[in-house]
């Protein structure tokens, strides 16, 4: 339960976070960018623990985008190394805590060891259901929709899918997040105010919170602050507010 008297019935079911600002955090301290990414992993650990303590059931974090391939090779390799470190060091604890891991995004272009690690993490936690942790890695919202559309077209040609009966719900079954609730709240750190190709189908009606804190400095208290902001809003999903004539 959250501190400060927040109503647990008003908790978002699914929170998604764009973890931004590792490089700027490091630059501000005259440290290598790799150190910023390492501290970002520590922030992720604290955030997963804090989310579970608050009572959330679904958390998705944006770790590596399809656009991040444009960064220097050394930084890309460092990000791969951090994923390996996080999974290798935390997988057993996450399994014991009932956390199910799902990695969103395309496997195309990933090194074999990273692909194997992703499959290991998903396979070894697939029976857990206390908490769902999704890691968007090598992920882009537009690329995800294109992959889903191609698979739908392929299934339609093969007679597996009836294109005339398709709707938004059935299309959602072709997305990486199939079976998961759409995010209620999307948080972005670092003060930037855009979603950067993150869950652009799923977050169509999510509430957005932009925090002026760099990701390595993000703590559960910031998560609580974002949720408090969310709880103060009225979600209408295109309709009118309650009591409006």
C-alpha atoms as a PDB file:
ATOM      1  CA  UNK A   1       0.000   0.000   0.000  1.00  0.00           C
ATOM      2  CA  UNK A   2       1.210   3.484  -0.779  1.00  0.00           C
ATOM      3  CA  UNK A   3       2.176   5.990   1.892  1.00  0.00           C
ATOM      4  CA  UNK A   4       0.161   9.145   2.371  1.00  0.00           C
ATOM      5  CA  UNK A   5      -3.316   7.622   2.373  1.00  0.00           C
ATOM      6  CA  UNK A   6      -3.675   6.993  -1.350  1.00  0.00           C
ATOM      7  CA  UNK A   7      -6.601   4.780  -2.284  1.00  0.00           C
ATOM      8  CA  UNK A   8      -5.176   1.439  -3.454  1.00  0.00           C
ATOM      9  CA  UNK A   9      -8.336   0.944  -5.499  1.00  0.00           C
ATOM     10  CA  UNK A  10      -7.179   3.869  -7.617  1.00  0.00           C
ATOM     11  CA  UNK A  11      -3.853   2.330  -8.527  1.00  0.00           C
ATOM     12  CA  UNK A  12      -3.087   1.996 -12.217  1.00  0.00           C
ATOM     13  CA  UNK A  13      -3.053  -1.608 -13.272  1.00  0.00           C
ATOM     14  CA  UNK A  14      -0.182  -1.136 -15.705  1.00  0.00           C
ATOM     15  CA  UNK A  15       2.566   1.500 -15.512  1.00  0.00           C
ATOM     16  CA  UNK A  16       5.068   2.028 -18.332  1.00  0.00           C
ATOM     17  CA  UNK A  17       8.287   4.010 -17.924  1.00  0.00           C
ATOM     18  CA  UNK A  18      10.599   5.591 -20.476  1.00  0.00           C
ATOM     19  CA  UNK A  19      13.894   5.422 -18.604  1.00  0.00           C
ATOM     20  CA  UNK A  20      15.676   8.508 -19.940  1.00  0.00           C
ATOM     21  CA  UNK A  21      18.682  10.507 -18.818  1.00  0.00           C
ATOM     22  CA  UNK A  22      21.475   8.033 -18.068  1.00  0.00           C
ATOM     23  CA  UNK A  23      23.967   9.831 -20.302  1.00  0.00           C
ATOM     24  CA  UNK A  24      23.099  13.296 -19.039  1.00  0.00           C
ATOM     25  CA  UNK A  25      23.354  12.106 -15.433  1.00  0.00           C
ATOM     26  CA  UNK A  26      26.868  10.834 -16.148  1.00  0.00           C
ATOM     27  CA  UNK A  27      27.925  13.913 -18.138  1.00  0.00           C
ATOM     28  CA  UNK A  28      26.829  16.203 -15.314  1.00  0.00           C
ATOM     29  CA  UNK A  29      29.234  14.335 -13.034  1.00  0.00           C
ATOM     30  CA  UNK A  30      32.092  14.089 -15.554  1.00  0.00           C
ATOM     31  CA  UNK A  31      31.666  10.318 -15.634  1.00  0.00           C
ATOM     32  CA  UNK A  32      31.622   7.965 -18.630  1.00  0.00           C
ATOM     33  CA  UNK A  33      28.168   7.385 -20.093  1.00  0.00           C
ATOM     34  CA  UNK A  34      28.572   3.701 -19.259  1.00  0.00           C
ATOM     35  CA  UNK A  35      28.511   4.607 -15.571  1.00  0.00           C
ATOM     36  CA  UNK A  36      25.199   6.342 -16.103  1.00  0.00           C
ATOM     37  CA  UNK A  37      23.779   3.189 -17.646  1.00  0.00           C
ATOM     38  CA  UNK A  38      25.105   1.112 -14.736  1.00  0.00           C
ATOM     39  CA  UNK A  39      23.401   3.428 -12.249  1.00  0.00           C
ATOM     40  CA  UNK A  40      20.297   3.165 -14.405  1.00  0.00           C
ATOM     41  CA  UNK A  41      20.230  -0.583 -13.767  1.00  0.00           C
ATOM     42  CA  UNK A  42      20.318   0.106 -10.027  1.00  0.00           C
ATOM     43  CA  UNK A  43      17.400   2.503 -10.447  1.00  0.00           C
ATOM     44  CA  UNK A  44      15.506  -0.229 -12.299  1.00  0.00           C
ATOM     45  CA  UNK A  45      16.048  -2.681  -9.454  1.00  0.00           C
ATOM     46  CA  UNK A  46      14.727  -0.182  -6.922  1.00  0.00           C
ATOM     47  CA  UNK A  47      11.784   0.659  -9.150  1.00  0.00           C
ATOM     48  CA  UNK A  48      10.733  -2.975  -9.608  1.00  0.00           C
ATOM     49  CA  UNK A  49      10.904  -3.517  -5.863  1.00  0.00           C
ATOM     50  CA  UNK A  50       9.034  -0.300  -5.186  1.00  0.00           C
ATOM     51  CA  UNK A  51       6.320  -1.106  -7.742  1.00  0.00           C
ATOM     52  CA  UNK A  52       5.686  -4.466  -6.109  1.00  0.00           C
ATOM     53  CA  UNK A  53       5.546  -2.895  -2.654  1.00  0.00           C
ATOM     54  CA  UNK A  54       3.044  -0.296  -3.848  1.00  0.00           C
ATOM     55  CA  UNK A  55       0.793  -3.015  -5.177  1.00  0.00           C
ATOM     56  CA  UNK A  56       1.234  -2.661  -8.923  1.00  0.00           C
ATOM     57  CA  UNK A  57       0.892  -5.797 -11.014  1.00  0.00           C
ATOM     58  CA  UNK A  58       2.301  -4.741 -14.417  1.00  0.00           C
ATOM     59  CA  UNK A  59       5.386  -2.655 -15.169  1.00  0.00           C
ATOM     60  CA  UNK A  60       6.907  -2.052 -18.607  1.00  0.00           C
ATOM     61  CA  UNK A  61      10.239  -0.261 -19.021  1.00  0.00           C
ATOM     62  CA  UNK A  62      11.814   1.082 -22.207  1.00  0.00           C
ATOM     63  CA  UNK A  63      15.405  -0.134 -22.184  1.00  0.00           C
ATOM     64  CA  UNK A  64      16.732  -0.110 -25.761  1.00  0.00           C
ATOM     65  CA  UNK A  65      14.938   1.234 -28.818  1.00  0.00           C
ATOM     66  CA  UNK A  66      15.304   0.289 -32.460  1.00  0.00           C
ATOM     67  CA  UNK A  67      16.680   3.823 -32.937  1.00  0.00           C
ATOM     68  CA  UNK A  68      19.423   3.265 -30.350  1.00  0.00           C
ATOM     69  CA  UNK A  69      21.415   1.332 -32.963  1.00  0.00           C
ATOM     70  CA  UNK A  70      22.482   4.778 -34.202  1.00  0.00           C
ATOM     71  CA  UNK A  71      24.591   5.251 -31.076  1.00  0.00           C
ATOM     72  CA  UNK A  72      28.318   4.401 -30.999  1.00  0.00           C
ATOM     73  CA  UNK A  73      29.042   0.677 -31.138  1.00  0.00           C
ATOM     74  CA  UNK A  74      30.769   0.854 -27.759  1.00  0.00           C
ATOM     75  CA  UNK A  75      27.636   2.237 -26.106  1.00  0.00           C
ATOM     76  CA  UNK A  76      25.358  -0.292 -27.802  1.00  0.00           C
ATOM     77  CA  UNK A  77      27.605  -3.106 -26.592  1.00  0.00           C
ATOM     78  CA  UNK A  78      27.576  -1.606 -23.095  1.00  0.00           C
ATOM     79  CA  UNK A  79      23.775  -1.627 -23.097  1.00  0.00           C
ATOM     80  CA  UNK A  80      23.768  -5.267 -24.173  1.00  0.00           C
ATOM     81  CA  UNK A  81      26.186  -6.030 -21.364  1.00  0.00           C
ATOM     82  CA  UNK A  82      23.934  -4.362 -18.813  1.00  0.00           C
ATOM     83  CA  UNK A  83      20.950  -6.456 -19.908  1.00  0.00           C
ATOM     84  CA  UNK A  84      23.080  -9.565 -19.484  1.00  0.00           C
ATOM     85  CA  UNK A  85      24.228  -8.406 -16.060  1.00  0.00           C
ATOM     86  CA  UNK A  86      20.704  -7.585 -14.880  1.00  0.00           C
ATOM     87  CA  UNK A  87      19.228 -10.904 -15.986  1.00  0.00           C
ATOM     88  CA  UNK A  88      22.146 -13.023 -14.757  1.00  0.00           C
ATOM     89  CA  UNK A  89      22.242 -11.330 -11.346  1.00  0.00           C
ATOM     90  CA  UNK A  90      18.512 -10.899 -10.752  1.00  0.00           C
ATOM     91  CA  UNK A  91      16.775 -13.772 -12.542  1.00  0.00           C
ATOM     92  CA  UNK A  92      16.743 -16.176  -9.598  1.00  0.00           C
ATOM     93  CA  UNK A  93      15.368 -13.547  -7.225  1.00  0.00           C
ATOM     94  CA  UNK A  94      12.741 -12.434  -9.735  1.00  0.00           C
ATOM     95  CA  UNK A  95      11.685 -16.060 -10.194  1.00  0.00           C
ATOM     96  CA  UNK A  96      11.417 -16.580  -6.435  1.00  0.00           C
ATOM     97  CA  UNK A  97       9.382 -13.373  -6.070  1.00  0.00           C
ATOM     98  CA  UNK A  98       6.805 -14.547  -8.618  1.00  0.00           C
ATOM     99  CA  UNK A  99       7.848 -12.082 -11.317  1.00  0.00           C
ATOM    100  CA  UNK A 100       7.101 -12.970 -14.917  1.00  0.00           C
ATOM    101  CA  UNK A 101       9.467 -11.437 -17.467  1.00  0.00           C
ATOM    102  CA  UNK A 102       8.468 -10.620 -21.006  1.00  0.00           C
ATOM    103  CA  UNK A 103      10.817  -8.943 -23.462  1.00  0.00           C
ATOM    104  CA  UNK A 104       9.081  -6.781 -26.060  1.00  0.00           C
ATOM    105  CA  UNK A 105      10.623  -5.970 -29.420  1.00  0.00           C
ATOM    106  CA  UNK A 106      12.188  -7.644 -32.419  1.00  0.00           C
ATOM    107  CA  UNK A 107      14.931 -10.211 -32.082  1.00  0.00           C
ATOM    108  CA  UNK A 108      16.326  -9.198 -35.486  1.00  0.00           C
ATOM    109  CA  UNK A 109      19.908  -7.956 -35.198  1.00  0.00           C
ATOM    110  CA  UNK A 110      20.451  -9.097 -31.624  1.00  0.00           C
ATOM    111  CA  UNK A 111      23.572 -11.142 -30.884  1.00  0.00           C
ATOM    112  CA  UNK A 112      22.965 -14.841 -30.308  1.00  0.00           C
ATOM    113  CA  UNK A 113      23.864 -14.633 -26.613  1.00  0.00           C
ATOM    114  CA  UNK A 114      21.350 -11.853 -26.021  1.00  0.00           C
ATOM    115  CA  UNK A 115      18.629 -13.778 -27.876  1.00  0.00           C
ATOM    116  CA  UNK A 116      19.369 -16.846 -25.765  1.00  0.00           C
ATOM    117  CA  UNK A 117      19.277 -14.773 -22.572  1.00  0.00           C
ATOM    118  CA  UNK A 118      15.911 -13.285 -23.525  1.00  0.00           C
ATOM    119  CA  UNK A 119      14.444 -16.730 -24.146  1.00  0.00           C
ATOM    120  CA  UNK A 120      15.889 -18.033 -20.883  1.00  0.00           C
ATOM    121  CA  UNK A 121      14.392 -15.205 -18.846  1.00  0.00           C
ATOM    122  CA  UNK A 122      10.980 -15.636 -20.447  1.00  0.00           C
ATOM    123  CA  UNK A 123      10.934 -19.424 -20.262  1.00  0.00           C
ATOM    124  CA  UNK A 124      12.079 -19.649 -16.653  1.00  0.00           C
ATOM    125  CA  UNK A 125       9.459 -17.185 -15.402  1.00  0.00           C
ATOM    126  CA  UNK A 126       6.522 -18.041 -17.683  1.00  0.00           C
ATOM    127  CA  UNK A 127       4.508 -19.671 -14.873  1.00  0.00           C
ATOM    128  CA  UNK A 128       4.769 -16.686 -12.518  1.00  0.00           C
ATOM    129  CA  UNK A 129       1.835 -14.324 -12.169  1.00  0.00           C
ATOM    130  CA  UNK A 130       2.327 -12.154  -9.071  1.00  0.00           C
ATOM    131  CA  UNK A 131       4.007  -9.357 -11.013  1.00  0.00           C
ATOM    132  CA  UNK A 132       4.561  -8.820 -14.736  1.00  0.00           C
ATOM    133  CA  UNK A 133       7.794  -7.101 -15.762  1.00  0.00           C
ATOM    134  CA  UNK A 134       8.061  -6.248 -19.452  1.00  0.00           C
ATOM    135  CA  UNK A 135      11.359  -5.002 -20.829  1.00  0.00           C
ATOM    136  CA  UNK A 136      11.130  -3.214 -24.179  1.00  0.00           C
ATOM    137  CA  UNK A 137      14.481  -4.076 -25.735  1.00  0.00           C
ATOM    138  CA  UNK A 138      15.267  -3.509 -29.415  1.00  0.00           C
ATOM    139  CA  UNK A 139      11.746  -2.136 -29.487  1.00  0.00           C
ATOM    140  CA  UNK A 140       9.966   0.502 -31.557  1.00  0.00           C
ATOM    141  CA  UNK A 141       6.228   1.094 -31.584  1.00  0.00           C
ATOM    142  CA  UNK A 142       5.950   1.549 -35.334  1.00  0.00           C
ATOM    143  CA  UNK A 143       8.115  -1.502 -36.011  1.00  0.00           C
ATOM    144  CA  UNK A 144       5.919  -3.552 -33.669  1.00  0.00           C
ATOM    145  CA  UNK A 145       2.763  -2.497 -35.521  1.00  0.00           C
ATOM    146  CA  UNK A 146       4.373  -3.297 -38.874  1.00  0.00           C
ATOM    147  CA  UNK A 147       5.356  -6.774 -37.653  1.00  0.00           C
ATOM    148  CA  UNK A 148       1.820  -7.346 -36.400  1.00  0.00           C
ATOM    149  CA  UNK A 149       0.320  -6.153 -39.699  1.00  0.00           C
ATOM    150  CA  UNK A 150       2.610  -8.427 -41.706  1.00  0.00           C
ATOM    151  CA  UNK A 151       1.679 -11.433 -39.572  1.00  0.00           C
ATOM    152  CA  UNK A 152      -2.004 -10.594 -39.882  1.00  0.00           C
ATOM    153  CA  UNK A 153      -1.680 -10.346 -43.671  1.00  0.00           C
ATOM    154  CA  UNK A 154       0.188 -13.642 -43.768  1.00  0.00           C
ATOM    155  CA  UNK A 155      -2.488 -15.347 -41.656  1.00  0.00           C
ATOM    156  CA  UNK A 156      -5.250 -13.877 -43.804  1.00  0.00           C
ATOM    157  CA  UNK A 157      -3.605 -15.200 -46.982  1.00  0.00           C
ATOM    158  CA  UNK A 158      -3.207 -18.609 -45.349  1.00  0.00           C
ATOM    159  CA  UNK A 159      -6.857 -18.643 -44.291  1.00  0.00           C
ATOM    160  CA  UNK A 160      -5.937 -18.612 -40.599  1.00  0.00           C
ATOM    161  CA  UNK A 161      -7.404 -15.149 -39.953  1.00  0.00           C
ATOM    162  CA  UNK A 162     -10.728 -13.760 -41.159  1.00  0.00           C
ATOM    163  CA  UNK A 163      -9.831 -10.207 -42.083  1.00  0.00           C
ATOM    164  CA  UNK A 164     -13.466  -9.066 -42.213  1.00  0.00           C
ATOM    165  CA  UNK A 165     -14.038  -9.928 -38.562  1.00  0.00           C
ATOM    166  CA  UNK A 166     -10.953  -8.173 -37.286  1.00  0.00           C
ATOM    167  CA  UNK A 167     -11.219  -5.301 -34.792  1.00  0.00           C
ATOM    168  CA  UNK A 168      -8.901  -3.458 -32.407  1.00  0.00           C
ATOM    169  CA  UNK A 169      -9.009  -6.241 -29.815  1.00  0.00           C
ATOM    170  CA  UNK A 170      -8.124  -8.999 -32.250  1.00  0.00           C
ATOM    171  CA  UNK A 171      -5.344  -6.891 -33.790  1.00  0.00           C
ATOM    172  CA  UNK A 172      -3.958  -6.445 -30.288  1.00  0.00           C
ATOM    173  CA  UNK A 173      -3.415 -10.195 -30.147  1.00  0.00           C
ATOM    174  CA  UNK A 174      -0.701  -9.760 -32.796  1.00  0.00           C
ATOM    175  CA  UNK A 175       1.234  -7.193 -30.751  1.00  0.00           C
ATOM    176  CA  UNK A 176       4.123  -7.960 -28.394  1.00  0.00           C
ATOM    177  CA  UNK A 177       1.848  -7.115 -25.455  1.00  0.00           C
ATOM    178  CA  UNK A 178      -0.847  -9.666 -26.326  1.00  0.00           C
ATOM    179  CA  UNK A 179      -2.658 -10.746 -23.178  1.00  0.00           C
ATOM    180  CA  UNK A 180      -1.532  -7.725 -21.158  1.00  0.00           C
ATOM    181  CA  UNK A 181      -3.678  -4.758 -20.131  1.00  0.00           C
ATOM    182  CA  UNK A 182      -2.928  -1.488 -21.890  1.00  0.00           C
ATOM    183  CA  UNK A 183      -0.822   0.912 -19.795  1.00  0.00           C
ATOM    184  CA  UNK A 184      -2.882   3.283 -17.678  1.00  0.00           C
ATOM    185  CA  UNK A 185       0.084   5.532 -16.924  1.00  0.00           C
ATOM    186  CA  UNK A 186       3.211   6.324 -18.925  1.00  0.00           C
ATOM    187  CA  UNK A 187       6.064   8.060 -17.096  1.00  0.00           C
ATOM    188  CA  UNK A 188       9.050   9.654 -18.772  1.00  0.00           C
ATOM    189  CA  UNK A 189      12.056  10.843 -16.832  1.00  0.00           C
ATOM    190  CA  UNK A 190      14.645  13.521 -17.711  1.00  0.00           C
ATOM    191  CA  UNK A 191      12.161  16.332 -18.413  1.00  0.00           C
ATOM    192  CA  UNK A 192      11.651  15.408 -22.082  1.00  0.00           C
ATOM    193  CA  UNK A 193       7.985  15.574 -23.101  1.00  0.00           C
ATOM    194  CA  UNK A 194       7.413  12.974 -25.804  1.00  0.00           C
ATOM    195  CA  UNK A 195       6.782   9.240 -25.932  1.00  0.00           C
ATOM    196  CA  UNK A 196       9.487   8.474 -28.525  1.00  0.00           C
ATOM    197  CA  UNK A 197       7.807   5.613 -30.392  1.00  0.00           C
ATOM    198  CA  UNK A 198       6.982   3.751 -27.166  1.00  0.00           C
ATOM    199  CA  UNK A 199       3.798   1.655 -26.981  1.00  0.00           C
ATOM    200  CA  UNK A 200       2.080   3.990 -29.425  1.00  0.00           C
ATOM    201  CA  UNK A 201      -0.843   1.618 -29.992  1.00  0.00           C
ATOM    202  CA  UNK A 202      -1.238   0.501 -26.389  1.00  0.00           C
ATOM    203  CA  UNK A 203      -0.829   3.933 -24.801  1.00  0.00           C
ATOM    204  CA  UNK A 204      -3.522   5.637 -26.866  1.00  0.00           C
ATOM    205  CA  UNK A 205      -5.498   6.529 -23.718  1.00  0.00           C
ATOM    206  CA  UNK A 206      -2.759   6.361 -21.103  1.00  0.00           C
ATOM    207  CA  UNK A 207      -2.228   9.263 -18.746  1.00  0.00           C
ATOM    208  CA  UNK A 208       1.193  10.858 -19.245  1.00  0.00           C
ATOM    209  CA  UNK A 209       3.492  12.134 -16.500  1.00  0.00           C
ATOM    210  CA  UNK A 210       6.808  13.826 -17.319  1.00  0.00           C
ATOM    211  CA  UNK A 211       9.290  14.091 -14.461  1.00  0.00           C
ATOM    212  CA  UNK A 212      12.271  16.416 -14.317  1.00  0.00           C
ATOM    213  CA  UNK A 213      14.529  13.760 -12.809  1.00  0.00           C
ATOM    214  CA  UNK A 214      17.222  11.810 -14.631  1.00  0.00           C
ATOM    215  CA  UNK A 215      16.689   8.067 -14.611  1.00  0.00           C
ATOM    216  CA  UNK A 216      19.669   7.070 -12.396  1.00  0.00           C
ATOM    217  CA  UNK A 217      18.216   9.334  -9.699  1.00  0.00           C
ATOM    218  CA  UNK A 218      14.707   7.846 -10.023  1.00  0.00           C
ATOM    219  CA  UNK A 219      13.440   6.218  -6.839  1.00  0.00           C
ATOM    220  CA  UNK A 220      10.158   4.647  -5.663  1.00  0.00           C
ATOM    221  CA  UNK A 221       9.154   8.029  -4.216  1.00  0.00           C
ATOM    222  CA  UNK A 222       9.089   9.429  -7.754  1.00  0.00           C
ATOM    223  CA  UNK A 223       6.923   6.509  -8.842  1.00  0.00           C
ATOM    224  CA  UNK A 224       4.531   7.286  -6.003  1.00  0.00           C
ATOM    225  CA  UNK A 225       4.451  10.954  -7.006  1.00  0.00           C
ATOM    226  CA  UNK A 226       3.531  10.012 -10.574  1.00  0.00           C
ATOM    227  CA  UNK A 227       0.798   7.678  -9.362  1.00  0.00           C
ATOM    228  CA  UNK A 228      -0.579  10.386  -7.077  1.00  0.00           C
ATOM    229  CA  UNK A 229      -0.809  12.680 -10.112  1.00  0.00           C
ATOM    230  CA  UNK A 230      -2.557   9.905 -12.036  1.00  0.00           C
ATOM    231  CA  UNK A 231      -5.059   9.354  -9.217  1.00  0.00           C
ATOM    232  CA  UNK A 232      -6.041  13.025  -9.283  1.00  0.00           C
ATOM    233  CA  UNK A 233      -7.128  12.814 -12.936  1.00  0.00           C
ATOM    234  CA  UNK A 234     -10.432  11.740 -14.403  1.00  0.00           C
ATOM    235  CA  UNK A 235     -10.133   9.341 -17.312  1.00  0.00           C
ATOM    236  CA  UNK A 236     -12.951   9.758 -19.849  1.00  0.00           C
ATOM    237  CA  UNK A 237     -11.748   7.695 -22.835  1.00  0.00           C
ATOM    238  CA  UNK A 238     -13.382  10.132 -25.246  1.00  0.00           C
ATOM    239  CA  UNK A 239     -16.625  10.431 -23.284  1.00  0.00           C
ATOM    240  CA  UNK A 240     -17.916  13.079 -20.915  1.00  0.00           C
ATOM    241  CA  UNK A 241     -16.991  13.488 -17.282  1.00  0.00           C
ATOM    242  CA  UNK A 242     -19.347  11.911 -14.772  1.00  0.00           C
ATOM    243  CA  UNK A 243     -22.294  14.205 -14.081  1.00  0.00           C
ATOM    244  CA  UNK A 244     -21.829  16.256 -17.274  1.00  0.00           C
ATOM    245  CA  UNK A 245     -25.069  16.992 -19.135  1.00  0.00           C
END
